[in-house]
Structure formats: structure tokens, C-alpha cells
Amino acid sequence: MEVEILFHAEKEIPLTIDLPPSVTVEVTYTEPGLRGDTATNASKPATIETGAEIRVPLFINQGDIIKVDTTNGDYIERAK
């Protein structure tokens, strides 16, 4: 992944970091969803490969590849 980082020349500290709008990650752990329980907008916790925990729809399973919004950490969609 390419990111753009602006450093302070003298102090050598990062000033800004420009991330892409979304990242594609693998779900490393989540409880299995209940079959047929997809009519509502219910969600469940899932751990992604970075170690972060986010909320995903019930149909997402362990091993699925998903897109996550980098500005707020929200689930966007299942990646293809």
C-alpha cells in the first residue's frame, strides 16, 4: 500500500499521513452468522488482520475479504 507522509525536516516527526479511502483486509475472527438472519441491518463484531475490531453484517464469515473505510473504520462491502 502506498501512503504519503509529510515529515518535519528538523524534528523528523510526521506531520500528515494521506491514506487511501479504503483498504482490503481479511476477517481473521468472527462468530458464524445465523442462516436466514440477513433481513435486518444487524451486525456483529469481527477482528481483521490488523488486529482491529469492527462491526460487520451477519453474513460475513472468518476468512472473508472485506473493504474497510480508512477514515472511520467502518465496513464498506465484501471484496471480490
PDB file of N, CA and C in Angstrom:
ATOM      1  N   MET A   1       0.845  -1.157   0.000  1.00  0.00           N
ATOM      2  CA  MET A   1       0.000   0.000   0.000  1.00  0.00           C
ATOM      3  C   MET A   1       0.897   1.227   0.000  1.00  0.00           C
ATOM      4  N   GLU A   2       0.559   2.186  -0.805  1.00  0.00           N
ATOM      5  CA  GLU A   2       1.299   3.438  -0.831  1.00  0.00           C
ATOM      6  C   GLU A   2       0.575   4.481   0.001  1.00  0.00           C
ATOM      7  N   VAL A   3       1.319   5.145   0.861  1.00  0.00           N
ATOM      8  CA  VAL A   3       0.797   6.260   1.639  1.00  0.00           C
ATOM      9  C   VAL A   3       1.759   7.424   1.481  1.00  0.00           C
ATOM     10  N   GLU A   4       1.236   8.616   1.634  1.00  0.00           N
ATOM     11  CA  GLU A   4       2.059   9.807   1.535  1.00  0.00           C
ATOM     12  C   GLU A   4       2.222  10.396   2.925  1.00  0.00           C
ATOM     13  N   ILE A   5       3.479  10.582   3.359  1.00  0.00           N
ATOM     14  CA  ILE A   5       3.766  11.102   4.692  1.00  0.00           C
ATOM     15  C   ILE A   5       4.592  12.371   4.558  1.00  0.00           C
ATOM     16  N   LEU A   6       4.156  13.432   5.213  1.00  0.00           N
ATOM     17  CA  LEU A   6       4.878  14.694   5.230  1.00  0.00           C
ATOM     18  C   LEU A   6       5.598  14.802   6.571  1.00  0.00           C
ATOM     19  N   PHE A   7       6.944  14.892   6.534  1.00  0.00           N
ATOM     20  CA  PHE A   7       7.761  14.955   7.740  1.00  0.00           C
ATOM     21  C   PHE A   7       8.247  16.375   8.001  1.00  0.00           C
ATOM     22  N   HIS A   8       8.401  16.726   9.268  1.00  0.00           N
ATOM     23  CA  HIS A   8       9.048  17.969   9.678  1.00  0.00           C
ATOM     24  C   HIS A   8      10.550  17.760   9.468  1.00  0.00           C
ATOM     25  N   ALA A   9      11.199  18.642   8.734  1.00  0.00           N
ATOM     26  CA  ALA A   9      12.600  18.455   8.336  1.00  0.00           C
ATOM     27  C   ALA A   9      13.562  18.421   9.520  1.00  0.00           C
ATOM     28  N   GLU A  10      13.400  19.278  10.491  1.00  0.00           N
ATOM     29  CA  GLU A  10      14.345  19.355  11.598  1.00  0.00           C
ATOM     30  C   GLU A  10      14.045  18.351  12.706  1.00  0.00           C
ATOM     31  N   LYS A  11      12.781  18.202  13.049  1.00  0.00           N
ATOM     32  CA  LYS A  11      12.406  17.327  14.163  1.00  0.00           C
ATOM     33  C   LYS A  11      12.214  15.877  13.734  1.00  0.00           C
ATOM     34  N   GLU A  12      12.137  15.636  12.428  1.00  0.00           N
ATOM     35  CA  GLU A  12      11.929  14.297  11.877  1.00  0.00           C
ATOM     36  C   GLU A  12      10.718  13.583  12.479  1.00  0.00           C
ATOM     37  N   ILE A  13       9.612  14.312  12.578  1.00  0.00           N
ATOM     38  CA  ILE A  13       8.355  13.731  13.047  1.00  0.00           C
ATOM     39  C   ILE A  13       7.324  13.858  11.924  1.00  0.00           C
ATOM     40  N   PRO A  14       6.418  12.898  11.815  1.00  0.00           N
ATOM     41  CA  PRO A  14       5.395  13.006  10.765  1.00  0.00           C
ATOM     42  C   PRO A  14       4.398  14.111  11.091  1.00  0.00           C
ATOM     43  N   LEU A  15       4.045  14.888  10.062  1.00  0.00           N
ATOM     44  CA  LEU A  15       3.063  15.955  10.224  1.00  0.00           C
ATOM     45  C   LEU A  15       1.694  15.528   9.697  1.00  0.00           C
ATOM     46  N   THR A  16       1.675  14.904   8.535  1.00  0.00           N
ATOM     47  CA  THR A  16       0.417  14.404   7.966  1.00  0.00           C
ATOM     48  C   THR A  16       0.660  13.067   7.280  1.00  0.00           C
ATOM     49  N   ILE A  17      -0.394  12.273   7.220  1.00  0.00           N
ATOM     50  CA  ILE A  17      -0.353  10.998   6.507  1.00  0.00           C
ATOM     51  C   ILE A  17      -1.623  10.915   5.666  1.00  0.00           C
ATOM     52  N   ASP A  18      -1.460  10.716   4.365  1.00  0.00           N
ATOM     53  CA  ASP A  18      -2.599  10.567   3.464  1.00  0.00           C
ATOM     54  C   ASP A  18      -2.795   9.089   3.151  1.00  0.00           C
ATOM     55  N   LEU A  19      -3.884   8.528   3.665  1.00  0.00           N
ATOM     56  CA  LEU A  19      -4.222   7.123   3.434  1.00  0.00           C
ATOM     57  C   LEU A  19      -5.180   7.014   2.253  1.00  0.00           C
ATOM     58  N   PRO A  20      -5.235   5.852   1.623  1.00  0.00           N
ATOM     59  CA  PRO A  20      -6.264   5.656   0.597  1.00  0.00           C
ATOM     60  C   PRO A  20      -7.641   5.670   1.253  1.00  0.00           C
ATOM     61  N   PRO A  21      -8.703   5.913   0.488  1.00  0.00           N
ATOM     62  CA  PRO A  21     -10.048   5.981   1.081  1.00  0.00           C
ATOM     63  C   PRO A  21     -10.509   4.672   1.716  1.00  0.00           C
ATOM     64  N   SER A  22     -10.014   3.532   1.198  1.00  0.00           N
ATOM     65  CA  SER A  22     -10.404   2.237   1.772  1.00  0.00           C
ATOM     66  C   SER A  22      -9.250   1.254   1.638  1.00  0.00           C
ATOM     67  N   VAL A  23      -9.299   0.205   2.470  1.00  0.00           N
ATOM     68  CA  VAL A  23      -8.318  -0.876   2.399  1.00  0.00           C
ATOM     69  C   VAL A  23      -9.061  -2.199   2.334  1.00  0.00           C
ATOM     70  N   THR A  24      -8.415  -3.180   1.718  1.00  0.00           N
ATOM     71  CA  THR A  24      -8.968  -4.528   1.629  1.00  0.00           C
ATOM     72  C   THR A  24      -8.240  -5.402   2.633  1.00  0.00           C
ATOM     73  N   VAL A  25      -8.991  -6.028   3.534  1.00  0.00           N
ATOM     74  CA  VAL A  25      -8.407  -6.835   4.605  1.00  0.00           C
ATOM     75  C   VAL A  25      -9.175  -8.142   4.773  1.00  0.00           C
ATOM     76  N   GLU A  26      -8.537  -9.089   5.446  1.00  0.00           N
ATOM     77  CA  GLU A  26      -9.171 -10.381   5.722  1.00  0.00           C
ATOM     78  C   GLU A  26      -9.745 -10.390   7.132  1.00  0.00           C
ATOM     79  N   VAL A  27     -10.903 -10.995   7.289  1.00  0.00           N
ATOM     80  CA  VAL A  27     -11.504 -11.191   8.607  1.00  0.00           C
ATOM     81  C   VAL A  27     -10.821 -12.403   9.236  1.00  0.00           C
ATOM     82  N   THR A  28     -10.122 -12.186  10.357  1.00  0.00           N
ATOM     83  CA  THR A  28      -9.407 -13.286  10.998  1.00  0.00           C
ATOM     84  C   THR A  28     -10.249 -14.008  12.047  1.00  0.00           C
ATOM     85  N   TYR A  29     -11.251 -13.305  12.599  1.00  0.00           N
ATOM     86  CA  TYR A  29     -12.133 -13.982  13.558  1.00  0.00           C
ATOM     87  C   TYR A  29     -13.479 -13.278  13.612  1.00  0.00           C
ATOM     88  N   THR A  30     -14.529 -14.061  13.579  1.00  0.00           N
ATOM     89  CA  THR A  30     -15.879 -13.602  13.854  1.00  0.00           C
ATOM     90  C   THR A  30     -16.745 -14.819  14.126  1.00  0.00           C
ATOM     91  N   GLU A  31     -17.771 -14.629  14.901  1.00  0.00           N
ATOM     92  CA  GLU A  31     -18.714 -15.722  15.165  1.00  0.00           C
ATOM     93  C   GLU A  31     -19.501 -15.997  13.889  1.00  0.00           C
ATOM     94  N   PRO A  32     -19.874 -17.252  13.643  1.00  0.00           N
ATOM     95  CA  PRO A  32     -20.674 -17.546  12.448  1.00  0.00           C
ATOM     96  C   PRO A  32     -22.043 -16.880  12.535  1.00  0.00           C
ATOM     97  N   GLY A  33     -22.522 -16.397  11.386  1.00  0.00           N
ATOM     98  CA  GLY A  33     -23.857 -15.796  11.342  1.00  0.00           C
ATOM     99  C   GLY A  33     -24.916 -16.874  11.297  1.00  0.00           C
ATOM    100  N   LEU A  34     -26.104 -16.534  11.723  1.00  0.00           N
ATOM    101  CA  LEU A  34     -27.209 -17.482  11.685  1.00  0.00           C
ATOM    102  C   LEU A  34     -27.815 -17.500  10.296  1.00  0.00           C
ATOM    103  N   ARG A  35     -28.033 -18.671   9.754  1.00  0.00           N
ATOM    104  CA  ARG A  35     -28.602 -18.804   8.417  1.00  0.00           C
ATOM    105  C   ARG A  35     -29.997 -18.187   8.387  1.00  0.00           C
ATOM    106  N   GLY A  36     -30.253 -17.390   7.346  1.00  0.00           N
ATOM    107  CA  GLY A  36     -31.564 -16.776   7.187  1.00  0.00           C
ATOM    108  C   GLY A  36     -31.734 -15.486   7.964  1.00  0.00           C
ATOM    109  N   ASP A  37     -30.727 -15.049   8.704  1.00  0.00           N
ATOM    110  CA  ASP A  37     -30.845 -13.833   9.512  1.00  0.00           C
ATOM    111  C   ASP A  37     -30.173 -12.664   8.798  1.00  0.00           C
ATOM    112  N   THR A  38     -30.603 -12.391   7.549  1.00  0.00           N
ATOM    113  CA  THR A  38     -29.987 -11.319   6.776  1.00  0.00           C
ATOM    114  C   THR A  38     -30.976 -10.210   6.423  1.00  0.00           C
ATOM    115  N   ALA A  39     -32.208 -10.311   6.868  1.00  0.00           N
ATOM    116  CA  ALA A  39     -33.225  -9.326   6.505  1.00  0.00           C
ATOM    117  C   ALA A  39     -33.055  -8.013   7.255  1.00  0.00           C
ATOM    118  N   THR A  40     -32.418  -8.036   8.388  1.00  0.00           N
ATOM    119  CA  THR A  40     -32.242  -6.816   9.170  1.00  0.00           C
ATOM    120  C   THR A  40     -30.845  -6.240   8.947  1.00  0.00           C
ATOM    121  N   ASN A  41     -30.617  -5.046   9.428  1.00  0.00           N
ATOM    122  CA  ASN A  41     -29.298  -4.425   9.333  1.00  0.00           C
ATOM    123  C   ASN A  41     -28.462  -4.731  10.568  1.00  0.00           C
ATOM    124  N   ALA A  42     -28.637  -5.904  11.126  1.00  0.00           N
ATOM    125  CA  ALA A  42     -27.900  -6.296  12.322  1.00  0.00           C
ATOM    126  C   ALA A  42     -26.425  -6.491  11.989  1.00  0.00           C
ATOM    127  N   SER A  43     -25.585  -6.314  12.981  1.00  0.00           N
ATOM    128  CA  SER A  43     -24.150  -6.503  12.776  1.00  0.00           C
ATOM    129  C   SER A  43     -23.558  -7.267  13.950  1.00  0.00           C
ATOM    130  N   LYS A  44     -22.323  -7.691  13.752  1.00  0.00           N
ATOM    131  CA  LYS A  44     -21.619  -8.451  14.789  1.00  0.00           C
ATOM    132  C   LYS A  44     -20.167  -8.000  14.785  1.00  0.00           C
ATOM    133  N   PRO A  45     -19.429  -8.220  15.877  1.00  0.00           N
ATOM    134  CA  PRO A  45     -18.013  -7.837  15.902  1.00  0.00           C
ATOM    135  C   PRO A  45     -17.168  -8.814  15.087  1.00  0.00           C
ATOM    136  N   ALA A  46     -16.118  -8.276  14.470  1.00  0.00           N
ATOM    137  CA  ALA A  46     -15.174  -9.103  13.714  1.00  0.00           C
ATOM    138  C   ALA A  46     -13.781  -8.522  13.905  1.00  0.00           C
ATOM    139  N   THR A  47     -12.788  -9.395  14.017  1.00  0.00           N
ATOM    140  CA  THR A  47     -11.396  -8.963  14.098  1.00  0.00           C
ATOM    141  C   THR A  47     -10.796  -9.106  12.711  1.00  0.00           C
ATOM    142  N   ILE A  48     -10.109  -8.052  12.253  1.00  0.00           N
ATOM    143  CA  ILE A  48      -9.474  -8.096  10.942  1.00  0.00           C
ATOM    144  C   ILE A  48      -7.977  -8.321  11.108  1.00  0.00           C
ATOM    145  N   GLU A  49      -7.269  -8.551  10.007  1.00  0.00           N
ATOM    146  CA  GLU A  49      -5.866  -8.945  10.059  1.00  0.00           C
ATOM    147  C   GLU A  49      -4.952  -7.926  10.721  1.00  0.00           C
ATOM    148  N   THR A  50      -5.373  -6.684  10.851  1.00  0.00           N
ATOM    149  CA  THR A  50      -4.565  -5.676  11.542  1.00  0.00           C
ATOM    150  C   THR A  50      -4.697  -5.776  13.053  1.00  0.00           C
ATOM    151  N   GLY A  51      -5.679  -6.561  13.526  1.00  0.00           N
ATOM    152  CA  GLY A  51      -5.949  -6.680  14.952  1.00  0.00           C
ATOM    153  C   GLY A  51      -7.090  -5.789  15.414  1.00  0.00           C
ATOM    154  N   ALA A  52      -7.568  -4.921  14.524  1.00  0.00           N
ATOM    155  CA  ALA A  52      -8.682  -4.029  14.868  1.00  0.00           C
ATOM    156  C   ALA A  52      -9.988  -4.819  14.898  1.00  0.00           C
ATOM    157  N   GLU A  53     -10.915  -4.374  15.735  1.00  0.00           N
ATOM    158  CA  GLU A  53     -12.237  -4.985  15.789  1.00  0.00           C
ATOM    159  C   GLU A  53     -13.234  -4.009  15.198  1.00  0.00           C
ATOM    160  N   ILE A  54     -14.010  -4.469  14.219  1.00  0.00           N
ATOM    161  CA  ILE A  54     -15.014  -3.632  13.575  1.00  0.00           C
ATOM    162  C   ILE A  54     -16.348  -4.362  13.578  1.00  0.00           C
ATOM    163  N   ARG A  55     -17.409  -3.661  13.227  1.00  0.00           N
ATOM    164  CA  ARG A  55     -18.741  -4.261  13.114  1.00  0.00           C
ATOM    165  C   ARG A  55     -18.984  -4.616  11.652  1.00  0.00           C
ATOM    166  N   VAL A  56     -19.456  -5.833  11.406  1.00  0.00           N
ATOM    167  CA  VAL A  56     -19.736  -6.309  10.059  1.00  0.00           C
ATOM    168  C   VAL A  56     -21.142  -6.904  10.014  1.00  0.00           C
ATOM    169  N   PRO A  57     -21.732  -7.021   8.819  1.00  0.00           N
ATOM    170  CA  PRO A  57     -23.043  -7.676   8.708  1.00  0.00           C
ATOM    171  C   PRO A  57     -22.961  -9.147   9.111  1.00  0.00           C
ATOM    172  N   LEU A  58     -24.093  -9.727   9.435  1.00  0.00           N
ATOM    173  CA  LEU A  58     -24.153 -11.098   9.933  1.00  0.00           C
ATOM    174  C   LEU A  58     -23.672 -12.133   8.918  1.00  0.00           C
ATOM    175  N   PHE A  59     -23.727 -11.827   7.612  1.00  0.00           N
ATOM    176  CA  PHE A  59     -23.341 -12.816   6.595  1.00  0.00           C
ATOM    177  C   PHE A  59     -21.829 -12.915   6.392  1.00  0.00           C
ATOM    178  N   ILE A  60     -21.041 -12.048   7.002  1.00  0.00           N
ATOM    179  CA  ILE A  60     -19.581 -12.097   6.873  1.00  0.00           C
ATOM    180  C   ILE A  60     -19.042 -13.215   7.760  1.00  0.00           C
ATOM    181  N   ASN A  61     -18.110 -14.013   7.212  1.00  0.00           N
ATOM    182  CA  ASN A  61     -17.534 -15.137   7.941  1.00  0.00           C
ATOM    183  C   ASN A  61     -16.027 -14.989   8.062  1.00  0.00           C
ATOM    184  N   GLN A  62     -15.440 -15.767   8.939  1.00  0.00           N
ATOM    185  CA  GLN A  62     -13.989 -15.796   9.102  1.00  0.00           C
ATOM    186  C   GLN A  62     -13.369 -16.189   7.761  1.00  0.00           C
ATOM    187  N   GLY A  63     -12.312 -15.481   7.345  1.00  0.00           N
ATOM    188  CA  GLY A  63     -11.647 -15.752   6.075  1.00  0.00           C
ATOM    189  C   GLY A  63     -12.146 -14.895   4.926  1.00  0.00           C
ATOM    190  N   ASP A  64     -13.284 -14.220   5.096  1.00  0.00           N
ATOM    191  CA  ASP A  64     -13.789 -13.339   4.041  1.00  0.00           C
ATOM    192  C   ASP A  64     -12.875 -12.131   3.881  1.00  0.00           C
ATOM    193  N   ILE A  65     -12.809 -11.609   2.671  1.00  0.00           N
ATOM    194  CA  ILE A  65     -12.052 -10.403   2.366  1.00  0.00           C
ATOM    195  C   ILE A  65     -13.063  -9.265   2.245  1.00  0.00           C
ATOM    196  N   ILE A  66     -12.830  -8.181   2.993  1.00  0.00           N
ATOM    197  CA  ILE A  66     -13.771  -7.059   3.018  1.00  0.00           C
ATOM    198  C   ILE A  66     -13.039  -5.741   2.780  1.00  0.00           C
ATOM    199  N   LYS A  67     -13.811  -4.713   2.416  1.00  0.00           N
ATOM    200  CA  LYS A  67     -13.278  -3.359   2.300  1.00  0.00           C
ATOM    201  C   LYS A  67     -13.681  -2.584   3.545  1.00  0.00           C
ATOM    202  N   VAL A  68     -12.717  -1.810   4.073  1.00  0.00           N
ATOM    203  CA  VAL A  68     -12.947  -1.019   5.278  1.00  0.00           C
ATOM    204  C   VAL A  68     -12.592   0.430   4.980  1.00  0.00           C
ATOM    205  N   ASP A  69     -13.433   1.355   5.408  1.00  0.00           N
ATOM    206  CA  ASP A  69     -13.205   2.783   5.246  1.00  0.00           C
ATOM    207  C   ASP A  69     -12.073   3.215   6.177  1.00  0.00           C
ATOM    208  N   THR A  70     -11.020   3.865   5.636  1.00  0.00           N
ATOM    209  CA  THR A  70      -9.884   4.253   6.468  1.00  0.00           C
ATOM    210  C   THR A  70     -10.150   5.505   7.302  1.00  0.00           C
ATOM    211  N   THR A  71     -11.177   6.274   6.971  1.00  0.00           N
ATOM    212  CA  THR A  71     -11.442   7.489   7.751  1.00  0.00           C
ATOM    213  C   THR A  71     -12.152   7.192   9.065  1.00  0.00           C
ATOM    214  N   ASN A  72     -13.025   6.166   9.075  1.00  0.00           N
ATOM    215  CA  ASN A  72     -13.775   5.888  10.309  1.00  0.00           C
ATOM    216  C   ASN A  72     -13.747   4.419  10.733  1.00  0.00           C
ATOM    217  N   GLY A  73     -13.130   3.547   9.929  1.00  0.00           N
ATOM    218  CA  GLY A  73     -13.021   2.140  10.297  1.00  0.00           C
ATOM    219  C   GLY A  73     -14.287   1.338  10.090  1.00  0.00           C
ATOM    220  N   ASP A  74     -15.227   1.853   9.298  1.00  0.00           N
ATOM    221  CA  ASP A  74     -16.488   1.140   9.058  1.00  0.00           C
ATOM    222  C   ASP A  74     -16.370   0.159   7.915  1.00  0.00           C
ATOM    223  N   TYR A  75     -17.145  -0.917   8.007  1.00  0.00           N
ATOM    224  CA  TYR A  75     -17.291  -1.891   6.933  1.00  0.00           C
ATOM    225  C   TYR A  75     -17.925  -1.210   5.729  1.00  0.00           C
ATOM    226  N   ILE A  76     -17.386  -1.466   4.505  1.00  0.00           N
ATOM    227  CA  ILE A  76     -17.983  -0.919   3.289  1.00  0.00           C
ATOM    228  C   ILE A  76     -18.712  -2.009   2.518  1.00  0.00           C
ATOM    229  N   GLU A  77     -17.959  -3.072   2.149  1.00  0.00           N
ATOM    230  CA  GLU A  77     -18.537  -4.148   1.354  1.00  0.00           C
ATOM    231  C   GLU A  77     -17.623  -5.354   1.375  1.00  0.00           C
ATOM    232  N   ARG A  78     -18.154  -6.469   0.904  1.00  0.00           N
ATOM    233  CA  ARG A  78     -17.326  -7.667   0.729  1.00  0.00           C
ATOM    234  C   ARG A  78     -16.521  -7.461  -0.551  1.00  0.00           C
ATOM    235  N   ALA A  79     -15.227  -7.724  -0.502  1.00  0.00           N
ATOM    236  CA  ALA A  79     -14.375  -7.541  -1.669  1.00  0.00           C
ATOM    237  C   ALA A  79     -14.497  -8.735  -2.603  1.00  0.00           C
ATOM    238  N   LYS A  80     -14.244  -8.486  -3.862  1.00  0.00           N
ATOM    239  CA  LYS A  80     -14.355  -9.544  -4.871  1.00  0.00           C
ATOM    240  C   LYS A  80     -13.018 -10.105  -5.218  1.00  0.00           C
TER     241      LYS A  80
END
